[in-house]
Amino acid sequence: DGTDTTARVLGIVGIVVGAAGVAYGV
């Protein structure tokens, strides 16, 4: 369960960072 939760958090963080990068590029 802990591993699944960590993976989800990291996935969300990755999406946010990616979105921020795209917005900055635009």
mmCIF file of all heavy atoms, coordinates in Angstrom:
data_MODEL
# 
_entry.id   MODEL 
# 
loop_
_atom_site.group_PDB 
_atom_site.id 
_atom_site.type_symbol 
_atom_site.label_atom_id 
_atom_site.label_alt_id 
_atom_site.label_comp_id 
_atom_site.label_asym_id 
_atom_site.label_entity_id 
_atom_site.label_seq_id 
_atom_site.pdbx_PDB_ins_code 
_atom_site.Cartn_x 
_atom_site.Cartn_y 
_atom_site.Cartn_z 
_atom_site.occupancy 
_atom_site.B_iso_or_equiv 
_atom_site.pdbx_formal_charge 
_atom_site.auth_seq_id 
_atom_site.auth_comp_id 
_atom_site.auth_asym_id 
_atom_site.auth_atom_id 
_atom_site.pdbx_PDB_model_num 
ATOM 1   N N   . ASP A 1 1  ? 0.835  -1.203 0.000   1.00 0.00 ? 1  ASP A N   1 
ATOM 2   C CA  . ASP A 1 1  ? 0.000  0.000  0.000   1.00 0.00 ? 1  ASP A CA  1 
ATOM 3   C C   . ASP A 1 1  ? 0.863  1.244  0.000   1.00 0.00 ? 1  ASP A C   1 
ATOM 4   O O   . ASP A 1 1  ? 0.590  2.226  -0.703  1.00 0.00 ? 1  ASP A O   1 
ATOM 5   C CB  . ASP A 1 1  ? -0.915 -0.001 1.228   1.00 0.00 ? 1  ASP A CB  1 
ATOM 6   C CG  . ASP A 1 1  ? -1.947 -1.104 1.136   1.00 0.00 ? 1  ASP A CG  1 
ATOM 7   O OD1 . ASP A 1 1  ? -2.153 -1.611 0.014   1.00 0.00 ? 1  ASP A OD1 1 
ATOM 8   O OD2 . ASP A 1 1  ? -2.543 -1.448 2.180   1.00 0.00 ? 1  ASP A OD2 1 
ATOM 9   N N   . GLY A 1 2  ? 1.946  1.214  0.822   1.00 0.00 ? 2  GLY A N   1 
ATOM 10  C CA  . GLY A 1 2  ? 2.838  2.371  0.899   1.00 0.00 ? 2  GLY A CA  1 
ATOM 11  C C   . GLY A 1 2  ? 3.499  2.632  -0.432  1.00 0.00 ? 2  GLY A C   1 
ATOM 12  O O   . GLY A 1 2  ? 3.647  3.776  -0.862  1.00 0.00 ? 2  GLY A O   1 
ATOM 13  N N   . THR A 1 3  ? 3.905  1.557  -1.092  1.00 0.00 ? 3  THR A N   1 
ATOM 14  C CA  . THR A 1 3  ? 4.549  1.706  -2.396  1.00 0.00 ? 3  THR A CA  1 
ATOM 15  C C   . THR A 1 3  ? 3.597  2.298  -3.419  1.00 0.00 ? 3  THR A C   1 
ATOM 16  O O   . THR A 1 3  ? 3.962  3.186  -4.209  1.00 0.00 ? 3  THR A O   1 
ATOM 17  C CB  . THR A 1 3  ? 5.047  0.341  -2.893  1.00 0.00 ? 3  THR A CB  1 
ATOM 18  O OG1 . THR A 1 3  ? 5.955  -0.181 -1.930  1.00 0.00 ? 3  THR A OG1 1 
ATOM 19  C CG2 . THR A 1 3  ? 5.767  0.461  -4.224  1.00 0.00 ? 3  THR A CG2 1 
ATOM 20  N N   . ASP A 1 4  ? 2.322  1.836  -3.404  1.00 0.00 ? 4  ASP A N   1 
ATOM 21  C CA  . ASP A 1 4  ? 1.330  2.360  -4.340  1.00 0.00 ? 4  ASP A CA  1 
ATOM 22  C C   . ASP A 1 4  ? 1.089  3.847  -4.095  1.00 0.00 ? 4  ASP A C   1 
ATOM 23  O O   . ASP A 1 4  ? 0.986  4.654  -5.037  1.00 0.00 ? 4  ASP A O   1 
ATOM 24  C CB  . ASP A 1 4  ? 0.011  1.596  -4.191  1.00 0.00 ? 4  ASP A CB  1 
ATOM 25  C CG  . ASP A 1 4  ? 0.153  0.168  -4.690  1.00 0.00 ? 4  ASP A CG  1 
ATOM 26  O OD1 . ASP A 1 4  ? 1.133  -0.101 -5.403  1.00 0.00 ? 4  ASP A OD1 1 
ATOM 27  O OD2 . ASP A 1 4  ? -0.702 -0.658 -4.349  1.00 0.00 ? 4  ASP A OD2 1 
ATOM 28  N N   . THR A 1 5  ? 0.980  4.231  -2.808  1.00 0.00 ? 5  THR A N   1 
ATOM 29  C CA  . THR A 1 5  ? 0.726  5.632  -2.473  1.00 0.00 ? 5  THR A CA  1 
ATOM 30  C C   . THR A 1 5  ? 1.871  6.521  -2.931  1.00 0.00 ? 5  THR A C   1 
ATOM 31  O O   . THR A 1 5  ? 1.674  7.599  -3.506  1.00 0.00 ? 5  THR A O   1 
ATOM 32  C CB  . THR A 1 5  ? 0.532  5.782  -0.952  1.00 0.00 ? 5  THR A CB  1 
ATOM 33  O OG1 . THR A 1 5  ? -0.556 4.955  -0.547  1.00 0.00 ? 5  THR A OG1 1 
ATOM 34  C CG2 . THR A 1 5  ? 0.238  7.237  -0.579  1.00 0.00 ? 5  THR A CG2 1 
ATOM 35  N N   . THR A 1 6  ? 3.096  6.046  -2.650  1.00 0.00 ? 6  THR A N   1 
ATOM 36  C CA  . THR A 1 6  ? 4.282  6.819  -3.065  1.00 0.00 ? 6  THR A CA  1 
ATOM 37  C C   . THR A 1 6  ? 4.321  7.003  -4.572  1.00 0.00 ? 6  THR A C   1 
ATOM 38  O O   . THR A 1 6  ? 4.618  8.084  -5.090  1.00 0.00 ? 6  THR A O   1 
ATOM 39  C CB  . THR A 1 6  ? 5.563  6.096  -2.609  1.00 0.00 ? 6  THR A CB  1 
ATOM 40  O OG1 . THR A 1 6  ? 5.521  5.953  -1.197  1.00 0.00 ? 6  THR A OG1 1 
ATOM 41  C CG2 . THR A 1 6  ? 6.802  6.891  -2.986  1.00 0.00 ? 6  THR A CG2 1 
ATOM 42  N N   . ALA A 1 7  ? 4.001  5.926  -5.281  1.00 0.00 ? 7  ALA A N   1 
ATOM 43  C CA  . ALA A 1 7  ? 4.014  5.990  -6.739  1.00 0.00 ? 7  ALA A CA  1 
ATOM 44  C C   . ALA A 1 7  ? 2.989  6.996  -7.254  1.00 0.00 ? 7  ALA A C   1 
ATOM 45  O O   . ALA A 1 7  ? 3.244  7.767  -8.193  1.00 0.00 ? 7  ALA A O   1 
ATOM 46  C CB  . ALA A 1 7  ? 3.741  4.611  -7.334  1.00 0.00 ? 7  ALA A CB  1 
ATOM 47  N N   . ARG A 1 8  ? 1.821  7.021  -6.617  1.00 0.00 ? 8  ARG A N   1 
ATOM 48  C CA  . ARG A 1 8  ? 0.773  7.951  -7.044  1.00 0.00 ? 8  ARG A CA  1 
ATOM 49  C C   . ARG A 1 8  ? 1.201  9.402  -6.807  1.00 0.00 ? 8  ARG A C   1 
ATOM 50  O O   . ARG A 1 8  ? 0.985  10.276 -7.644  1.00 0.00 ? 8  ARG A O   1 
ATOM 51  C CB  . ARG A 1 8  ? -0.525 7.655  -6.294  1.00 0.00 ? 8  ARG A CB  1 
ATOM 52  C CG  . ARG A 1 8  ? -1.172 6.334  -6.714  1.00 0.00 ? 8  ARG A CG  1 
ATOM 53  C CD  . ARG A 1 8  ? -2.324 5.993  -5.808  1.00 0.00 ? 8  ARG A CD  1 
ATOM 54  N NE  . ARG A 1 8  ? -2.897 4.700  -6.155  1.00 0.00 ? 8  ARG A NE  1 
ATOM 55  C CZ  . ARG A 1 8  ? -3.815 4.070  -5.424  1.00 0.00 ? 8  ARG A CZ  1 
ATOM 56  N NH1 . ARG A 1 8  ? -4.250 4.624  -4.297  1.00 0.00 ? 8  ARG A NH1 1 
ATOM 57  N NH2 . ARG A 1 8  ? -4.282 2.908  -5.814  1.00 0.00 ? 8  ARG A NH2 1 
ATOM 58  N N   . VAL A 1 9  ? 1.771  9.632  -5.602  1.00 0.00 ? 9  VAL A N   1 
ATOM 59  C CA  . VAL A 1 9  ? 2.218  11.002 -5.290  1.00 0.00 ? 9  VAL A CA  1 
ATOM 60  C C   . VAL A 1 9  ? 3.266  11.478 -6.277  1.00 0.00 ? 9  VAL A C   1 
ATOM 61  O O   . VAL A 1 9  ? 3.221  12.598 -6.796  1.00 0.00 ? 9  VAL A O   1 
ATOM 62  C CB  . VAL A 1 9  ? 2.768  11.055 -3.845  1.00 0.00 ? 9  VAL A CB  1 
ATOM 63  C CG1 . VAL A 1 9  ? 3.432  12.416 -3.575  1.00 0.00 ? 9  VAL A CG1 1 
ATOM 64  C CG2 . VAL A 1 9  ? 1.649  10.804 -2.840  1.00 0.00 ? 9  VAL A CG2 1 
ATOM 65  N N   . LEU A 1 10 ? 4.249  10.601 -6.535  1.00 0.00 ? 10 LEU A N   1 
ATOM 66  C CA  . LEU A 1 10 ? 5.298  10.966 -7.475  1.00 0.00 ? 10 LEU A CA  1 
ATOM 67  C C   . LEU A 1 10 ? 4.730  11.212 -8.874  1.00 0.00 ? 10 LEU A C   1 
ATOM 68  O O   . LEU A 1 10 ? 5.183  12.100 -9.613  1.00 0.00 ? 10 LEU A O   1 
ATOM 69  C CB  . LEU A 1 10 ? 6.365  9.869  -7.536  1.00 0.00 ? 10 LEU A CB  1 
ATOM 70  C CG  . LEU A 1 10 ? 7.223  9.715  -6.268  1.00 0.00 ? 10 LEU A CG  1 
ATOM 71  C CD1 . LEU A 1 10 ? 8.157  8.515  -6.419  1.00 0.00 ? 10 LEU A CD1 1 
ATOM 72  C CD2 . LEU A 1 10 ? 8.016  10.987 -5.999  1.00 0.00 ? 10 LEU A CD2 1 
ATOM 73  N N   . GLY A 1 11 ? 3.719  10.420 -9.244  1.00 0.00 ? 11 GLY A N   1 
ATOM 74  C CA  . GLY A 1 11 ? 3.098  10.605 -10.553 1.00 0.00 ? 11 GLY A CA  1 
ATOM 75  C C   . GLY A 1 11 ? 2.425  11.953 -10.658 1.00 0.00 ? 11 GLY A C   1 
ATOM 76  O O   . GLY A 1 11 ? 2.534  12.674 -11.671 1.00 0.00 ? 11 GLY A O   1 
ATOM 77  N N   . ILE A 1 12 ? 1.696  12.342 -9.591  1.00 0.00 ? 12 ILE A N   1 
ATOM 78  C CA  . ILE A 1 12 ? 1.005  13.633 -9.595  1.00 0.00 ? 12 ILE A CA  1 
ATOM 79  C C   . ILE A 1 12 ? 2.005  14.771 -9.646  1.00 0.00 ? 12 ILE A C   1 
ATOM 80  O O   . ILE A 1 12 ? 1.844  15.755 -10.393 1.00 0.00 ? 12 ILE A O   1 
ATOM 81  C CB  . ILE A 1 12 ? 0.115  13.757 -8.345  1.00 0.00 ? 12 ILE A CB  1 
ATOM 82  C CG1 . ILE A 1 12 ? -1.023 12.725 -8.422  1.00 0.00 ? 12 ILE A CG1 1 
ATOM 83  C CG2 . ILE A 1 12 ? -0.441 15.167 -8.207  1.00 0.00 ? 12 ILE A CG2 1 
ATOM 84  C CD1 . ILE A 1 12 ? -1.854 12.636 -7.173  1.00 0.00 ? 12 ILE A CD1 1 
ATOM 85  N N   . VAL A 1 13 ? 3.082  14.634 -8.816  1.00 0.00 ? 13 VAL A N   1 
ATOM 86  C CA  . VAL A 1 13 ? 4.121  15.668 -8.819  1.00 0.00 ? 13 VAL A CA  1 
ATOM 87  C C   . VAL A 1 13 ? 4.728  15.805 -10.207 1.00 0.00 ? 13 VAL A C   1 
ATOM 88  O O   . VAL A 1 13 ? 4.988  16.897 -10.706 1.00 0.00 ? 13 VAL A O   1 
ATOM 89  C CB  . VAL A 1 13 ? 5.212  15.331 -7.780  1.00 0.00 ? 13 VAL A CB  1 
ATOM 90  C CG1 . VAL A 1 13 ? 6.407  16.275 -7.941  1.00 0.00 ? 13 VAL A CG1 1 
ATOM 91  C CG2 . VAL A 1 13 ? 4.646  15.441 -6.368  1.00 0.00 ? 13 VAL A CG2 1 
ATOM 92  N N   . GLY A 1 14 ? 4.952  14.665 -10.857 1.00 0.00 ? 14 GLY A N   1 
ATOM 93  C CA  . GLY A 1 14 ? 5.522  14.694 -12.200 1.00 0.00 ? 14 GLY A CA  1 
ATOM 94  C C   . GLY A 1 14 ? 4.618  15.402 -13.187 1.00 0.00 ? 14 GLY A C   1 
ATOM 95  O O   . GLY A 1 14 ? 5.070  16.186 -14.040 1.00 0.00 ? 14 GLY A O   1 
ATOM 96  N N   . ILE A 1 15 ? 3.318  15.148 -13.068 1.00 0.00 ? 15 ILE A N   1 
ATOM 97  C CA  . ILE A 1 15 ? 2.353  15.796 -13.970 1.00 0.00 ? 15 ILE A CA  1 
ATOM 98  C C   . ILE A 1 15 ? 2.351  17.309 -13.742 1.00 0.00 ? 15 ILE A C   1 
ATOM 99  O O   . ILE A 1 15 ? 2.354  18.109 -14.688 1.00 0.00 ? 15 ILE A O   1 
ATOM 100 C CB  . ILE A 1 15 ? 0.939  15.226 -13.757 1.00 0.00 ? 15 ILE A CB  1 
ATOM 101 C CG1 . ILE A 1 15 ? 0.910  13.755 -14.221 1.00 0.00 ? 15 ILE A CG1 1 
ATOM 102 C CG2 . ILE A 1 15 ? -0.105 16.052 -14.497 1.00 0.00 ? 15 ILE A CG2 1 
ATOM 103 C CD1 . ILE A 1 15 ? -0.373 13.048 -13.881 1.00 0.00 ? 15 ILE A CD1 1 
ATOM 104 N N   . VAL A 1 16 ? 2.338  17.722 -12.460 1.00 0.00 ? 16 VAL A N   1 
ATOM 105 C CA  . VAL A 1 16 ? 2.329  19.146 -12.130 1.00 0.00 ? 16 VAL A CA  1 
ATOM 106 C C   . VAL A 1 16 ? 3.576  19.829 -12.664 1.00 0.00 ? 16 VAL A C   1 
ATOM 107 O O   . VAL A 1 16 ? 3.526  20.907 -13.275 1.00 0.00 ? 16 VAL A O   1 
ATOM 108 C CB  . VAL A 1 16 ? 2.216  19.343 -10.603 1.00 0.00 ? 16 VAL A CB  1 
ATOM 109 C CG1 . VAL A 1 16 ? 2.403  20.829 -10.237 1.00 0.00 ? 16 VAL A CG1 1 
ATOM 110 C CG2 . VAL A 1 16 ? 0.871  18.846 -10.106 1.00 0.00 ? 16 VAL A CG2 1 
ATOM 111 N N   . VAL A 1 17 ? 4.741  19.196 -12.414 1.00 0.00 ? 17 VAL A N   1 
ATOM 112 C CA  . VAL A 1 17 ? 5.996  19.770 -12.895 1.00 0.00 ? 17 VAL A CA  1 
ATOM 113 C C   . VAL A 1 17 ? 5.992  19.864 -14.411 1.00 0.00 ? 17 VAL A C   1 
ATOM 114 O O   . VAL A 1 17 ? 6.426  20.864 -15.014 1.00 0.00 ? 17 VAL A O   1 
ATOM 115 C CB  . VAL A 1 17 ? 7.194  18.928 -12.404 1.00 0.00 ? 17 VAL A CB  1 
ATOM 116 C CG1 . VAL A 1 17 ? 8.488  19.402 -13.065 1.00 0.00 ? 17 VAL A CG1 1 
ATOM 117 C CG2 . VAL A 1 17 ? 7.308  19.033 -10.894 1.00 0.00 ? 17 VAL A CG2 1 
ATOM 118 N N   . GLY A 1 18 ? 5.492  18.802 -15.048 1.00 0.00 ? 18 GLY A N   1 
ATOM 119 C CA  . GLY A 1 18 ? 5.440  18.811 -16.512 1.00 0.00 ? 18 GLY A CA  1 
ATOM 120 C C   . GLY A 1 18 ? 4.547  19.916 -17.037 1.00 0.00 ? 18 GLY A C   1 
ATOM 121 O O   . GLY A 1 18 ? 4.875  20.633 -18.003 1.00 0.00 ? 18 GLY A O   1 
ATOM 122 N N   . ALA A 1 19 ? 3.380  20.081 -16.389 1.00 0.00 ? 19 ALA A N   1 
ATOM 123 C CA  . ALA A 1 19 ? 2.449  21.133 -16.808 1.00 0.00 ? 19 ALA A CA  1 
ATOM 124 C C   . ALA A 1 19 ? 3.061  22.508 -16.615 1.00 0.00 ? 19 ALA A C   1 
ATOM 125 O O   . ALA A 1 19 ? 2.925  23.411 -17.455 1.00 0.00 ? 19 ALA A O   1 
ATOM 126 C CB  . ALA A 1 19 ? 1.147  21.022 -16.005 1.00 0.00 ? 19 ALA A CB  1 
ATOM 127 N N   . ALA A 1 20 ? 3.766  22.663 -15.480 1.00 0.00 ? 20 ALA A N   1 
ATOM 128 C CA  . ALA A 1 20 ? 4.421  23.950 -15.212 1.00 0.00 ? 20 ALA A CA  1 
ATOM 129 C C   . ALA A 1 20 ? 5.473  24.238 -16.267 1.00 0.00 ? 20 ALA A C   1 
ATOM 130 O O   . ALA A 1 20 ? 5.635  25.370 -16.731 1.00 0.00 ? 20 ALA A O   1 
ATOM 131 C CB  . ALA A 1 20 ? 5.041  23.940 -13.814 1.00 0.00 ? 20 ALA A CB  1 
ATOM 132 N N   . GLY A 1 21 ? 6.185  23.206 -16.668 1.00 0.00 ? 21 GLY A N   1 
ATOM 133 C CA  . GLY A 1 21 ? 7.220  23.378 -17.693 1.00 0.00 ? 21 GLY A CA  1 
ATOM 134 C C   . GLY A 1 21 ? 6.613  23.789 -19.016 1.00 0.00 ? 21 GLY A C   1 
ATOM 135 O O   . GLY A 1 21 ? 7.139  24.656 -19.730 1.00 0.00 ? 21 GLY A O   1 
ATOM 136 N N   . VAL A 1 22 ? 5.504  23.170 -19.370 1.00 0.00 ? 22 VAL A N   1 
ATOM 137 C CA  . VAL A 1 22 ? 4.832  23.511 -20.624 1.00 0.00 ? 22 VAL A CA  1 
ATOM 138 C C   . VAL A 1 22 ? 4.347  24.955 -20.595 1.00 0.00 ? 22 VAL A C   1 
ATOM 139 O O   . VAL A 1 22 ? 4.491  25.734 -21.551 1.00 0.00 ? 22 VAL A O   1 
ATOM 140 C CB  . VAL A 1 22 ? 3.660  22.549 -20.892 1.00 0.00 ? 22 VAL A CB  1 
ATOM 141 C CG1 . VAL A 1 22 ? 2.831  23.030 -22.082 1.00 0.00 ? 22 VAL A CG1 1 
ATOM 142 C CG2 . VAL A 1 22 ? 4.186  21.135 -21.129 1.00 0.00 ? 22 VAL A CG2 1 
ATOM 143 N N   . ALA A 1 23 ? 3.728  25.347 -19.468 1.00 0.00 ? 23 ALA A N   1 
ATOM 144 C CA  . ALA A 1 23 ? 3.214  26.715 -19.338 1.00 0.00 ? 23 ALA A CA  1 
ATOM 145 C C   . ALA A 1 23 ? 4.346  27.723 -19.437 1.00 0.00 ? 23 ALA A C   1 
ATOM 146 O O   . ALA A 1 23 ? 4.228  28.776 -20.093 1.00 0.00 ? 23 ALA A O   1 
ATOM 147 C CB  . ALA A 1 23 ? 2.488  26.869 -17.995 1.00 0.00 ? 23 ALA A CB  1 
ATOM 148 N N   . TYR A 1 24 ? 5.452  27.436 -18.802 1.00 0.00 ? 24 TYR A N   1 
ATOM 149 C CA  . TYR A 1 24 ? 6.610  28.335 -18.842 1.00 0.00 ? 24 TYR A CA  1 
ATOM 150 C C   . TYR A 1 24 ? 7.124  28.474 -20.275 1.00 0.00 ? 24 TYR A C   1 
ATOM 151 O O   . TYR A 1 24 ? 7.472  29.553 -20.727 1.00 0.00 ? 24 TYR A O   1 
ATOM 152 C CB  . TYR A 1 24 ? 7.706  27.805 -17.930 1.00 0.00 ? 24 TYR A CB  1 
ATOM 153 C CG  . TYR A 1 24 ? 8.966  28.648 -17.964 1.00 0.00 ? 24 TYR A CG  1 
ATOM 154 C CD1 . TYR A 1 24 ? 9.048  29.838 -17.251 1.00 0.00 ? 24 TYR A CD1 1 
ATOM 155 C CD2 . TYR A 1 24 ? 10.061 28.237 -18.735 1.00 0.00 ? 24 TYR A CD2 1 
ATOM 156 C CE1 . TYR A 1 24 ? 10.194 30.615 -17.294 1.00 0.00 ? 24 TYR A CE1 1 
ATOM 157 C CE2 . TYR A 1 24 ? 11.215 29.013 -18.788 1.00 0.00 ? 24 TYR A CE2 1 
ATOM 158 C CZ  . TYR A 1 24 ? 11.272 30.198 -18.044 1.00 0.00 ? 24 TYR A CZ  1 
ATOM 159 O OH  . TYR A 1 24 ? 12.422 30.953 -18.100 1.00 0.00 ? 24 TYR A OH  1 
ATOM 160 N N   . GLY A 1 25 ? 7.144  27.306 -20.986 1.00 0.00 ? 25 GLY A N   1 
ATOM 161 C CA  . GLY A 1 25 ? 7.611  27.342 -22.377 1.00 0.00 ? 25 GLY A CA  1 
ATOM 162 C C   . GLY A 1 25 ? 6.715  28.206 -23.250 1.00 0.00 ? 25 GLY A C   1 
ATOM 163 O O   . GLY A 1 25 ? 7.177  28.961 -24.112 1.00 0.00 ? 25 GLY A O   1 
ATOM 164 N N   . VAL A 1 26 ? 5.398  28.102 -23.042 1.00 0.00 ? 26 VAL A N   1 
ATOM 165 C CA  . VAL A 1 26 ? 4.446  28.899 -23.833 1.00 0.00 ? 26 VAL A CA  1 
ATOM 166 C C   . VAL A 1 26 ? 4.636  30.391 -23.557 1.00 0.00 ? 26 VAL A C   1 
ATOM 167 O O   . VAL A 1 26 ? 4.658  31.240 -24.477 1.00 0.00 ? 26 VAL A O   1 
ATOM 168 C CB  . VAL A 1 26 ? 3.013  28.459 -23.523 1.00 0.00 ? 26 VAL A CB  1 
ATOM 169 C CG1 . VAL A 1 26 ? 2.009  29.416 -24.184 1.00 0.00 ? 26 VAL A CG1 1 
ATOM 170 C CG2 . VAL A 1 26 ? 2.810  27.040 -24.005 1.00 0.00 ? 26 VAL A CG2 1 
# 
